[in-house]
Structure formats: C-alpha cells, structure tokens
Amino acid sequence: MTNKTRNKLKERLKYTQKWVENFLEIENHKEISKKALRQLNKDRPVLGWIFTIIYLPSKIWDVIYTIIWWNKYRKACKEIEIIRKELKIDD
C-alpha cells in the first residue's frame, strides 16, 4: 500500500472514530432528556398521556430515525474494524 493511501486510511479512521464518539455522546444526552420527560409524565400522567397521543406520529418517526442512526453507528464500527485490519496488514 502506498504512503498516500495509508495516510488517507488513517484520516478516515480518525474521522470515523470521532463520528462514533459524537454519536454516543448525543445518544447519552437524548437518554437524559427521555428520563426527564418520563419523570415529568409521572408527576402529571394525564397531561403526559395527552401529549403522547398528540405527538404519536412524531414519536413513530423518532423510532424509525433511531433505528436508521443506530444502523449507521454499527456500520461505522465495522468500518473502524476493517480499516484497523488493513493498516495492521501493511505494518
């Protein structure tokens, strides 16, 4: 493998690792928001139920969106694994 190709793989590895770190950080913040919302809904269950009904289409979209992004996360993890193997082969 040429030096230029190796450097590009290293850059892609860094970028993908950074993306994975950011994704996990965002998911952590989303989980905190969900916990806060659950706690709020415990205080006023009727109001929480009404908002659940009102925002049901949005919640369905959120589930689909979450599945898509977790799939992208798994793909990025696999990319990291493959790039590391490629870089290790050439050492």
Protein backbone atom coordinates (compact mmCIF):
# COMPACT_ATOMS: atom_id res chain seq x y z
CA MET A 1 0.00 0.00 0.00
CA THR A 2 1.34 3.41 -0.89
CA ASN A 3 2.04 6.04 1.72
CA LYS A 4 -0.70 8.29 0.31
CA THR A 5 -3.31 5.53 0.58
CA ARG A 6 -2.16 4.70 4.09
CA ASN A 7 -2.47 8.34 5.16
CA LYS A 8 -5.97 8.56 3.70
CA LEU A 9 -6.98 5.43 5.60
CA LYS A 10 -5.60 6.94 8.82
CA GLU A 11 -7.59 10.13 8.20
CA ARG A 12 -10.74 8.13 7.55
CA LEU A 13 -10.12 6.12 10.71
CA LYS A 14 -9.77 9.29 12.79
CA TYR A 15 -12.88 10.82 11.24
CA THR A 16 -14.96 7.68 11.79
CA GLN A 17 -13.78 7.29 15.38
CA LYS A 18 -14.68 10.92 16.07
CA TRP A 19 -18.11 10.39 14.49
CA VAL A 20 -18.73 7.34 16.72
CA GLU A 21 -17.71 9.29 19.84
CA ASN A 22 -20.02 12.17 18.92
CA PHE A 23 -22.89 9.81 18.14
CA LEU A 24 -22.59 8.11 21.53
CA GLU A 25 -22.43 11.48 23.28
CA ILE A 26 -25.59 12.64 21.52
CA GLU A 27 -27.37 9.38 22.38
CA ASN A 28 -26.39 9.87 26.02
CA HIS A 29 -27.93 13.35 26.01
CA LYS A 30 -31.09 12.02 24.34
CA GLU A 31 -31.38 9.39 27.06
CA ILE A 32 -31.13 12.07 29.75
CA SER A 33 -33.92 14.04 28.03
CA LYS A 34 -36.09 10.90 27.86
CA LYS A 35 -35.56 10.25 31.57
CA ALA A 36 -36.54 13.84 32.37
CA LEU A 37 -39.68 13.51 30.25
CA ARG A 38 -40.62 10.22 31.96
CA GLN A 39 -40.18 11.86 35.35
CA LEU A 40 -42.30 14.81 34.25
CA ASN A 41 -45.03 12.45 32.99
CA LYS A 42 -45.06 10.66 36.36
CA ASP A 43 -45.96 13.95 38.02
CA ARG A 44 -48.87 14.61 35.66
CA PRO A 45 -49.86 11.34 33.96
CA VAL A 46 -53.00 12.66 32.23
CA LEU A 47 -51.13 15.53 30.63
CA GLY A 48 -48.32 13.14 29.62
CA TRP A 49 -50.85 10.79 28.04
CA ILE A 50 -52.44 13.66 26.10
CA PHE A 51 -49.07 14.78 24.77
CA THR A 52 -48.22 11.19 23.84
CA ILE A 53 -51.38 10.99 21.73
CA ILE A 54 -50.80 14.40 20.14
CA TYR A 55 -47.18 13.65 19.26
CA LEU A 56 -47.68 10.00 18.28
CA PRO A 57 -46.73 10.49 14.59
CA SER A 58 -43.59 12.29 15.68
CA LYS A 59 -42.75 9.52 18.15
CA ILE A 60 -43.17 6.89 15.43
CA TRP A 61 -40.82 8.85 13.19
CA ASP A 62 -38.35 9.12 16.07
CA VAL A 63 -38.29 5.33 16.45
CA ILE A 64 -37.61 4.86 12.73
CA TYR A 65 -34.98 7.61 12.80
CA THR A 66 -33.29 5.99 15.80
CA ILE A 67 -33.14 2.62 14.05
CA ILE A 68 -31.55 4.23 10.99
CA TRP A 69 -28.90 6.07 13.04
CA TRP A 70 -28.01 3.02 15.15
CA ASN A 71 -27.53 1.12 11.88
CA LYS A 72 -25.14 3.87 10.74
CA TYR A 73 -23.33 3.56 14.07
CA ARG A 74 -22.87 -0.21 13.61
CA LYS A 75 -21.62 0.41 10.07
CA ALA A 76 -19.08 2.94 11.36
CA CYS A 77 -17.85 0.47 13.99
CA LYS A 78 -17.40 -2.15 11.29
CA GLU A 79 -15.50 0.38 9.14
CA ILE A 80 -13.15 1.09 12.04
CA GLU A 81 -12.52 -2.62 12.46
CA ILE A 82 -11.81 -3.12 8.75
CA ILE A 83 -9.54 -0.07 8.46
CA ARG A 84 -7.53 -1.19 11.50
CA LYS A 85 -7.07 -4.62 9.91
CA GLU A 86 -5.96 -3.01 6.65
CA LEU A 87 -3.45 -0.80 8.43
CA LYS A 88 -2.18 -3.73 10.52
CA ILE A 89 -1.66 -5.91 7.42
CA ASP A 90 0.68 -3.34 5.91
CA ASP A 91 2.81 -2.94 9.03
